[in-house]
Amino acid sequence: PLFRPTQTIATADHNVPTRHQDRPIAEPLSRYQVDTLTQNCAEFGVNLYGLGHRYQGIVHVIGPELGITQPGMTIVCGDSHTST
């Protein structure tokens, strides 16, 4: 099981289209990555800001915008820009 699932979030960001997100992702590897992220979040109870979600976006942008990341917090993220 996932440790602290209520403190874990996910978003599909850099490998998703900026337009026509209602259509399947054309690039096979990107589609596979987003599909796998979606399945893993469902399986492990992770809050996902996926395609079509009103807050879906680049993680180092939506984190501060939504108040998920704040000054003084220690966080772990797969995005290299999150510390900014």
PDB file of N, CA and C in Angstrom:
ATOM      1  N   PRO A   1       0.824  -1.214   0.000  1.00  0.00           N
ATOM      2  CA  PRO A   1       0.000   0.000   0.000  1.00  0.00           C
ATOM      3  C   PRO A   1       0.855   1.261   0.000  1.00  0.00           C
ATOM      4  N   LEU A   2       0.271   2.319  -0.440  1.00  0.00           N
ATOM      5  CA  LEU A   2       0.954   3.605  -0.508  1.00  0.00           C
ATOM      6  C   LEU A   2       0.987   4.255   0.870  1.00  0.00           C
ATOM      7  N   PHE A   3       2.137   4.779   1.257  1.00  0.00           N
ATOM      8  CA  PHE A   3       2.295   5.493   2.518  1.00  0.00           C
ATOM      9  C   PHE A   3       1.705   6.886   2.366  1.00  0.00           C
ATOM     10  N   ARG A   4       0.777   7.247   3.220  1.00  0.00           N
ATOM     11  CA  ARG A   4       0.123   8.556   3.229  1.00  0.00           C
ATOM     12  C   ARG A   4      -0.513   8.947   1.890  1.00  0.00           C
ATOM     13  N   PRO A   5      -1.458   8.175   1.407  1.00  0.00           N
ATOM     14  CA  PRO A   5      -2.091   8.513   0.118  1.00  0.00           C
ATOM     15  C   PRO A   5      -2.796   9.865   0.124  1.00  0.00           C
ATOM     16  N   THR A   6      -3.240  10.327   1.291  1.00  0.00           N
ATOM     17  CA  THR A   6      -3.900  11.634   1.347  1.00  0.00           C
ATOM     18  C   THR A   6      -2.915  12.782   1.176  1.00  0.00           C
ATOM     19  N   GLN A   7      -1.624  12.493   1.285  1.00  0.00           N
ATOM     20  CA  GLN A   7      -0.603  13.519   1.091  1.00  0.00           C
ATOM     21  C   GLN A   7       0.116  13.353  -0.248  1.00  0.00           C
ATOM     22  N   THR A   8      -0.502  12.611  -1.133  1.00  0.00           N
ATOM     23  CA  THR A   8       0.098  12.327  -2.437  1.00  0.00           C
ATOM     24  C   THR A   8      -0.856  12.809  -3.524  1.00  0.00           C
ATOM     25  N   ILE A   9      -0.319  13.507  -4.506  1.00  0.00           N
ATOM     26  CA  ILE A   9      -1.121  13.927  -5.662  1.00  0.00           C
ATOM     27  C   ILE A   9      -0.357  13.592  -6.934  1.00  0.00           C
ATOM     28  N   ALA A  10      -1.079  13.565  -8.028  1.00  0.00           N
ATOM     29  CA  ALA A  10      -0.456  13.312  -9.327  1.00  0.00           C
ATOM     30  C   ALA A  10      -1.150  14.168 -10.375  1.00  0.00           C
ATOM     31  N   THR A  11      -0.401  14.531 -11.393  1.00  0.00           N
ATOM     32  CA  THR A  11      -0.980  15.222 -12.541  1.00  0.00           C
ATOM     33  C   THR A  11      -0.252  14.758 -13.801  1.00  0.00           C
ATOM     34  N   ALA A  12      -0.999  14.692 -14.863  1.00  0.00           N
ATOM     35  CA  ALA A  12      -0.393  14.417 -16.164  1.00  0.00           C
ATOM     36  C   ALA A  12       0.060  15.768 -16.702  1.00  0.00           C
ATOM     37  N   ASP A  13       1.381  15.912 -16.912  1.00  0.00           N
ATOM     38  CA  ASP A  13       1.800  17.243 -17.333  1.00  0.00           C
ATOM     39  C   ASP A  13       2.587  17.281 -18.628  1.00  0.00           C
ATOM     40  N   HIS A  14       3.868  17.131 -18.620  1.00  0.00           N
ATOM     41  CA  HIS A  14       4.691  17.474 -19.775  1.00  0.00           C
ATOM     42  C   HIS A  14       4.454  16.646 -21.032  1.00  0.00           C
ATOM     43  N   ASN A  15       3.898  15.478 -20.925  1.00  0.00           N
ATOM     44  CA  ASN A  15       3.726  14.677 -22.141  1.00  0.00           C
ATOM     45  C   ASN A  15       2.257  14.579 -22.571  1.00  0.00           C
ATOM     46  N   VAL A  16       1.500  15.638 -22.296  1.00  0.00           N
ATOM     47  CA  VAL A  16       0.109  15.677 -22.731  1.00  0.00           C
ATOM     48  C   VAL A  16      -0.085  16.843 -23.702  1.00  0.00           C
ATOM     49  N   PRO A  17      -1.058  16.734 -24.582  1.00  0.00           N
ATOM     50  CA  PRO A  17      -1.304  17.843 -25.504  1.00  0.00           C
ATOM     51  C   PRO A  17      -1.909  19.035 -24.772  1.00  0.00           C
ATOM     52  N   THR A  18      -1.628  20.222 -25.260  1.00  0.00           N
ATOM     53  CA  THR A  18      -2.215  21.420 -24.659  1.00  0.00           C
ATOM     54  C   THR A  18      -3.592  21.708 -25.238  1.00  0.00           C
ATOM     55  N   ARG A  19      -3.876  21.140 -26.389  1.00  0.00           N
ATOM     56  CA  ARG A  19      -5.197  21.294 -27.019  1.00  0.00           C
ATOM     57  C   ARG A  19      -5.763  19.920 -27.317  1.00  0.00           C
ATOM     58  N   HIS A  20      -7.065  19.840 -27.398  1.00  0.00           N
ATOM     59  CA  HIS A  20      -7.772  18.608 -27.768  1.00  0.00           C
ATOM     60  C   HIS A  20      -7.485  17.460 -26.792  1.00  0.00           C
ATOM     61  N   GLN A  21      -7.525  17.767 -25.519  1.00  0.00           N
ATOM     62  CA  GLN A  21      -7.267  16.726 -24.525  1.00  0.00           C
ATOM     63  C   GLN A  21      -8.388  15.697 -24.447  1.00  0.00           C
ATOM     64  N   ASP A  22      -9.475  15.950 -25.137  1.00  0.00           N
ATOM     65  CA  ASP A  22     -10.566  14.985 -25.185  1.00  0.00           C
ATOM     66  C   ASP A  22     -10.274  13.850 -26.173  1.00  0.00           C
ATOM     67  N   ARG A  23      -9.241  14.015 -26.969  1.00  0.00           N
ATOM     68  CA  ARG A  23      -8.854  12.998 -27.951  1.00  0.00           C
ATOM     69  C   ARG A  23      -7.730  12.137 -27.373  1.00  0.00           C
ATOM     70  N   PRO A  24      -7.585  10.911 -27.876  1.00  0.00           N
ATOM     71  CA  PRO A  24      -6.453  10.079 -27.415  1.00  0.00           C
ATOM     72  C   PRO A  24      -5.112  10.758 -27.726  1.00  0.00           C
ATOM     73  N   ILE A  25      -4.145  10.560 -26.853  1.00  0.00           N
ATOM     74  CA  ILE A  25      -2.801  11.106 -27.076  1.00  0.00           C
ATOM     75  C   ILE A  25      -2.187  10.377 -28.264  1.00  0.00           C
ATOM     76  N   ALA A  26      -1.708  11.128 -29.240  1.00  0.00           N
ATOM     77  CA  ALA A  26      -1.218  10.541 -30.491  1.00  0.00           C
ATOM     78  C   ALA A  26       0.091   9.780 -30.312  1.00  0.00           C
ATOM     79  N   GLU A  27       0.987  10.288 -29.508  1.00  0.00           N
ATOM     80  CA  GLU A  27       2.309   9.671 -29.355  1.00  0.00           C
ATOM     81  C   GLU A  27       2.186   8.453 -28.437  1.00  0.00           C
ATOM     82  N   PRO A  28       2.540   7.255 -28.914  1.00  0.00           N
ATOM     83  CA  PRO A  28       2.300   6.026 -28.162  1.00  0.00           C
ATOM     84  C   PRO A  28       2.945   5.981 -26.770  1.00  0.00           C
ATOM     85  N   LEU A  29       4.190   6.401 -26.646  1.00  0.00           N
ATOM     86  CA  LEU A  29       4.850   6.330 -25.339  1.00  0.00           C
ATOM     87  C   LEU A  29       4.200   7.301 -24.346  1.00  0.00           C
ATOM     88  N   SER A  30       3.868   8.487 -24.800  1.00  0.00           N
ATOM     89  CA  SER A  30       3.188   9.453 -23.931  1.00  0.00           C
ATOM     90  C   SER A  30       1.825   8.931 -23.498  1.00  0.00           C
ATOM     91  N   ARG A  31       1.080   8.349 -24.437  1.00  0.00           N
ATOM     92  CA  ARG A  31      -0.222   7.771 -24.115  1.00  0.00           C
ATOM     93  C   ARG A  31      -0.070   6.664 -23.079  1.00  0.00           C
ATOM     94  N   TYR A  32       0.928   5.808 -23.258  1.00  0.00           N
ATOM     95  CA  TYR A  32       1.180   4.714 -22.312  1.00  0.00           C
ATOM     96  C   TYR A  32       1.511   5.258 -20.920  1.00  0.00           C
ATOM     97  N   GLN A  33       2.339   6.296 -20.858  1.00  0.00           N
ATOM     98  CA  GLN A  33       2.709   6.878 -19.562  1.00  0.00           C
ATOM     99  C   GLN A  33       1.495   7.462 -18.848  1.00  0.00           C
ATOM    100  N   VAL A  34       0.655   8.192 -19.568  1.00  0.00           N
ATOM    101  CA  VAL A  34      -0.529   8.803 -18.955  1.00  0.00           C
ATOM    102  C   VAL A  34      -1.535   7.721 -18.552  1.00  0.00           C
ATOM    103  N   ASP A  35      -1.722   6.720 -19.395  1.00  0.00           N
ATOM    104  CA  ASP A  35      -2.631   5.614 -19.048  1.00  0.00           C
ATOM    105  C   ASP A  35      -2.144   4.873 -17.806  1.00  0.00           C
ATOM    106  N   THR A  36      -0.835   4.637 -17.720  1.00  0.00           N
ATOM    107  CA  THR A  36      -0.265   3.946 -16.557  1.00  0.00           C
ATOM    108  C   THR A  36      -0.421   4.791 -15.298  1.00  0.00           C
ATOM    109  N   LEU A  37      -0.170   6.091 -15.406  1.00  0.00           N
ATOM    110  CA  LEU A  37      -0.369   6.988 -14.267  1.00  0.00           C
ATOM    111  C   LEU A  37      -1.817   6.924 -13.791  1.00  0.00           C
ATOM    112  N   THR A  38      -2.751   6.972 -14.713  1.00  0.00           N
ATOM    113  CA  THR A  38      -4.175   6.928 -14.370  1.00  0.00           C
ATOM    114  C   THR A  38      -4.527   5.632 -13.659  1.00  0.00           C
ATOM    115  N   GLN A  39      -4.053   4.516 -14.174  1.00  0.00           N
ATOM    116  CA  GLN A  39      -4.323   3.206 -13.563  1.00  0.00           C
ATOM    117  C   GLN A  39      -3.698   3.106 -12.177  1.00  0.00           C
ATOM    118  N   ASN A  40      -2.462   3.560 -12.040  1.00  0.00           N
ATOM    119  CA  ASN A  40      -1.788   3.482 -10.740  1.00  0.00           C
ATOM    120  C   ASN A  40      -2.476   4.358  -9.697  1.00  0.00           C
ATOM    121  N   CYS A  41      -2.910   5.535 -10.091  1.00  0.00           N
ATOM    122  CA  CYS A  41      -3.612   6.413  -9.148  1.00  0.00           C
ATOM    123  C   CYS A  41      -4.923   5.788  -8.697  1.00  0.00           C
ATOM    124  N   ALA A  42      -5.652   5.178  -9.611  1.00  0.00           N
ATOM    125  CA  ALA A  42      -6.904   4.508  -9.250  1.00  0.00           C
ATOM    126  C   ALA A  42      -6.635   3.333  -8.309  1.00  0.00           C
ATOM    127  N   GLU A  43      -5.612   2.557  -8.614  1.00  0.00           N
ATOM    128  CA  GLU A  43      -5.296   1.373  -7.808  1.00  0.00           C
ATOM    129  C   GLU A  43      -4.839   1.731  -6.400  1.00  0.00           C
ATOM    130  N   PHE A  44      -4.067   2.816  -6.263  1.00  0.00           N
ATOM    131  CA  PHE A  44      -3.466   3.141  -4.973  1.00  0.00           C
ATOM    132  C   PHE A  44      -4.115   4.331  -4.264  1.00  0.00           C
ATOM    133  N   GLY A  45      -5.227   4.834  -4.790  1.00  0.00           N
ATOM    134  CA  GLY A  45      -5.972   5.885  -4.126  1.00  0.00           C
ATOM    135  C   GLY A  45      -5.312   7.247  -4.129  1.00  0.00           C
ATOM    136  N   VAL A  46      -4.615   7.571  -5.205  1.00  0.00           N
ATOM    137  CA  VAL A  46      -3.935   8.854  -5.315  1.00  0.00           C
ATOM    138  C   VAL A  46      -4.851   9.852  -6.020  1.00  0.00           C
ATOM    139  N   ASN A  47      -4.933  11.059  -5.469  1.00  0.00           N
ATOM    140  CA  ASN A  47      -5.710  12.128  -6.083  1.00  0.00           C
ATOM    141  C   ASN A  47      -5.018  12.548  -7.378  1.00  0.00           C
ATOM    142  N   LEU A  48      -5.699  12.358  -8.506  1.00  0.00           N
ATOM    143  CA  LEU A  48      -5.117  12.627  -9.822  1.00  0.00           C
ATOM    144  C   LEU A  48      -5.771  13.830 -10.467  1.00  0.00           C
ATOM    145  N   TYR A  49      -4.947  14.783 -10.870  1.00  0.00           N
ATOM    146  CA  TYR A  49      -5.393  15.888 -11.702  1.00  0.00           C
ATOM    147  C   TYR A  49      -5.059  15.505 -13.137  1.00  0.00           C
ATOM    148  N   GLY A  50      -5.844  14.603 -13.691  1.00  0.00           N
ATOM    149  CA  GLY A  50      -5.568  14.038 -15.003  1.00  0.00           C
ATOM    150  C   GLY A  50      -6.191  14.840 -16.127  1.00  0.00           C
ATOM    151  N   LEU A  51      -6.088  14.292 -17.321  1.00  0.00           N
ATOM    152  CA  LEU A  51      -6.654  14.950 -18.492  1.00  0.00           C
ATOM    153  C   LEU A  51      -8.138  15.194 -18.267  1.00  0.00           C
ATOM    154  N   GLY A  52      -8.565  16.399 -18.565  1.00  0.00           N
ATOM    155  CA  GLY A  52      -9.962  16.755 -18.391  1.00  0.00           C
ATOM    156  C   GLY A  52     -10.288  17.345 -17.027  1.00  0.00           C
ATOM    157  N   HIS A  53      -9.383  17.187 -16.059  1.00  0.00           N
ATOM    158  CA  HIS A  53      -9.613  17.771 -14.732  1.00  0.00           C
ATOM    159  C   HIS A  53      -9.379  19.273 -14.823  1.00  0.00           C
ATOM    160  N   ARG A  54     -10.190  20.045 -14.147  1.00  0.00           N
ATOM    161  CA  ARG A  54     -10.065  21.502 -14.265  1.00  0.00           C
ATOM    162  C   ARG A  54      -8.740  22.044 -13.743  1.00  0.00           C
ATOM    163  N   TYR A  55      -8.051  21.292 -12.873  1.00  0.00           N
ATOM    164  CA  TYR A  55      -6.769  21.748 -12.335  1.00  0.00           C
ATOM    165  C   TYR A  55      -5.568  21.046 -12.958  1.00  0.00           C
ATOM    166  N   GLN A  56      -5.775  20.234 -13.979  1.00  0.00           N
ATOM    167  CA  GLN A  56      -4.659  19.542 -14.626  1.00  0.00           C
ATOM    168  C   GLN A  56      -3.699  20.575 -15.186  1.00  0.00           C
ATOM    169  N   GLY A  57      -2.408  20.331 -14.973  1.00  0.00           N
ATOM    170  CA  GLY A  57      -1.399  21.243 -15.495  1.00  0.00           C
ATOM    171  C   GLY A  57      -0.019  20.803 -15.071  1.00  0.00           C
ATOM    172  N   ILE A  58       0.955  21.633 -15.293  1.00  0.00           N
ATOM    173  CA  ILE A  58       2.334  21.312 -14.938  1.00  0.00           C
ATOM    174  C   ILE A  58       2.462  21.344 -13.421  1.00  0.00           C
ATOM    175  N   VAL A  59       3.018  20.292 -12.866  1.00  0.00           N
ATOM    176  CA  VAL A  59       3.010  20.097 -11.414  1.00  0.00           C
ATOM    177  C   VAL A  59       3.656  21.245 -10.652  1.00  0.00           C
ATOM    178  N   HIS A  60       4.756  21.797 -11.158  1.00  0.00           N
ATOM    179  CA  HIS A  60       5.390  22.878 -10.411  1.00  0.00           C
ATOM    180  C   HIS A  60       4.648  24.203 -10.556  1.00  0.00           C
ATOM    181  N   VAL A  61       3.620  24.220 -11.365  1.00  0.00           N
ATOM    182  CA  VAL A  61       2.749  25.389 -11.464  1.00  0.00           C
ATOM    183  C   VAL A  61       1.496  25.188 -10.617  1.00  0.00           C
ATOM    184  N   ILE A  62       0.834  24.043 -10.779  1.00  0.00           N
ATOM    185  CA  ILE A  62      -0.417  23.841 -10.043  1.00  0.00           C
ATOM    186  C   ILE A  62      -0.199  23.633  -8.551  1.00  0.00           C
ATOM    187  N   GLY A  63       0.961  23.094  -8.164  1.00  0.00           N
ATOM    188  CA  GLY A  63       1.226  22.886  -6.735  1.00  0.00           C
ATOM    189  C   GLY A  63       1.081  24.169  -5.936  1.00  0.00           C
ATOM    190  N   PRO A  64       1.825  25.219  -6.279  1.00  0.00           N
ATOM    191  CA  PRO A  64       1.662  26.495  -5.569  1.00  0.00           C
ATOM    192  C   PRO A  64       0.295  27.146  -5.816  1.00  0.00           C
ATOM    193  N   GLU A  65      -0.214  27.065  -7.045  1.00  0.00           N
ATOM    194  CA  GLU A  65      -1.509  27.683  -7.337  1.00  0.00           C
ATOM    195  C   GLU A  65      -2.621  27.110  -6.466  1.00  0.00           C
ATOM    196  N   LEU A  66      -2.575  25.815  -6.212  1.00  0.00           N
ATOM    197  CA  LEU A  66      -3.618  25.147  -5.420  1.00  0.00           C
ATOM    198  C   LEU A  66      -3.294  25.110  -3.934  1.00  0.00           C
ATOM    199  N   GLY A  67      -2.128  25.631  -3.560  1.00  0.00           N
ATOM    200  CA  GLY A  67      -1.749  25.627  -2.146  1.00  0.00           C
ATOM    201  C   GLY A  67      -1.236  24.282  -1.663  1.00  0.00           C
ATOM    202  N   ILE A  68      -0.925  23.388  -2.587  1.00  0.00           N
ATOM    203  CA  ILE A  68      -0.417  22.059  -2.224  1.00  0.00           C
ATOM    204  C   ILE A  68       1.034  22.169  -1.770  1.00  0.00           C
ATOM    205  N   THR A  69       1.815  22.986  -2.463  1.00  0.00           N
ATOM    206  CA  THR A  69       3.199  23.246  -2.054  1.00  0.00           C
ATOM    207  C   THR A  69       3.277  24.666  -1.525  1.00  0.00           C
ATOM    208  N   GLN A  70       3.898  24.803  -0.374  1.00  0.00           N
ATOM    209  CA  GLN A  70       3.993  26.112   0.268  1.00  0.00           C
ATOM    210  C   GLN A  70       5.393  26.300   0.831  1.00  0.00           C
ATOM    211  N   PRO A  71       5.794  27.553   1.037  1.00  0.00           N
ATOM    212  CA  PRO A  71       7.126  27.813   1.598  1.00  0.00           C
ATOM    213  C   PRO A  71       7.331  27.055   2.910  1.00  0.00           C
ATOM    214  N   GLY A  72       8.527  26.501   3.058  1.00  0.00           N
ATOM    215  CA  GLY A  72       8.886  25.785   4.279  1.00  0.00           C
ATOM    216  C   GLY A  72       8.567  24.308   4.264  1.00  0.00           C
ATOM    217  N   MET A  73       7.827  23.851   3.276  1.00  0.00           N
ATOM    218  CA  MET A  73       7.479  22.434   3.207  1.00  0.00           C
ATOM    219  C   MET A  73       8.638  21.632   2.627  1.00  0.00           C
ATOM    220  N   THR A  74       8.761  20.407   3.067  1.00  0.00           N
ATOM    221  CA  THR A  74       9.664  19.461   2.434  1.00  0.00           C
ATOM    222  C   THR A  74       8.787  18.544   1.603  1.00  0.00           C
ATOM    223  N   ILE A  75       9.007  18.540   0.283  1.00  0.00           N
ATOM    224  CA  ILE A  75       8.197  17.732  -0.609  1.00  0.00           C
ATOM    225  C   ILE A  75       9.092  16.913  -1.524  1.00  0.00           C
ATOM    226  N   VAL A  76       8.515  15.868  -2.061  1.00  0.00           N
ATOM    227  CA  VAL A  76       9.205  15.027  -3.030  1.00  0.00           C
ATOM    228  C   VAL A  76       8.354  15.031  -4.285  1.00  0.00           C
ATOM    229  N   CYS A  77       9.010  15.245  -5.422  1.00  0.00           N
ATOM    230  CA  CYS A  77       8.264  15.305  -6.669  1.00  0.00           C
ATOM    231  C   CYS A  77       9.146  14.818  -7.813  1.00  0.00           C
ATOM    232  N   GLY A  78       8.507  14.210  -8.773  1.00  0.00           N
ATOM    233  CA  GLY A  78       9.230  13.711  -9.941  1.00  0.00           C
ATOM    234  C   GLY A  78       9.565  14.792 -10.952  1.00  0.00           C
ATOM    235  N   ASP A  79       9.192  16.019 -10.687  1.00  0.00           N
ATOM    236  CA  ASP A  79       9.455  17.114 -11.618  1.00  0.00           C
ATOM    237  C   ASP A  79      10.657  17.908 -11.144  1.00  0.00           C
ATOM    238  N   SER A  80      11.623  18.118 -11.996  1.00  0.00           N
ATOM    239  CA  SER A  80      12.864  18.772 -11.580  1.00  0.00           C
ATOM    240  C   SER A  80      12.698  20.241 -11.207  1.00  0.00           C
ATOM    241  N   HIS A  81      11.580  20.846 -11.589  1.00  0.00           N
ATOM    242  CA  HIS A  81      11.375  22.269 -11.320  1.00  0.00           C
ATOM    243  C   HIS A  81      10.585  22.532 -10.029  1.00  0.00           C
ATOM    244  N   THR A  82      10.135  21.489  -9.363  1.00  0.00           N
ATOM    245  CA  THR A  82       9.236  21.665  -8.237  1.00  0.00           C
ATOM    246  C   THR A  82       9.797  22.559  -7.145  1.00  0.00           C
ATOM    247  N   SER A  83      11.089  22.527  -6.942  1.00  0.00           N
ATOM    248  CA  SER A  83      11.673  23.333  -5.887  1.00  0.00           C
ATOM    249  C   SER A  83      11.549  24.823  -6.156  1.00  0.00           C
ATOM    250  N   THR A  84      11.256  25.211  -7.381  1.00  0.00           N
ATOM    251  CA  THR A  84      11.107  26.632  -7.680  1.00  0.00           C
ATOM    252  C   THR A  84       9.773  27.130  -7.171  1.00  0.00           C
TER     253      THR A  84
END
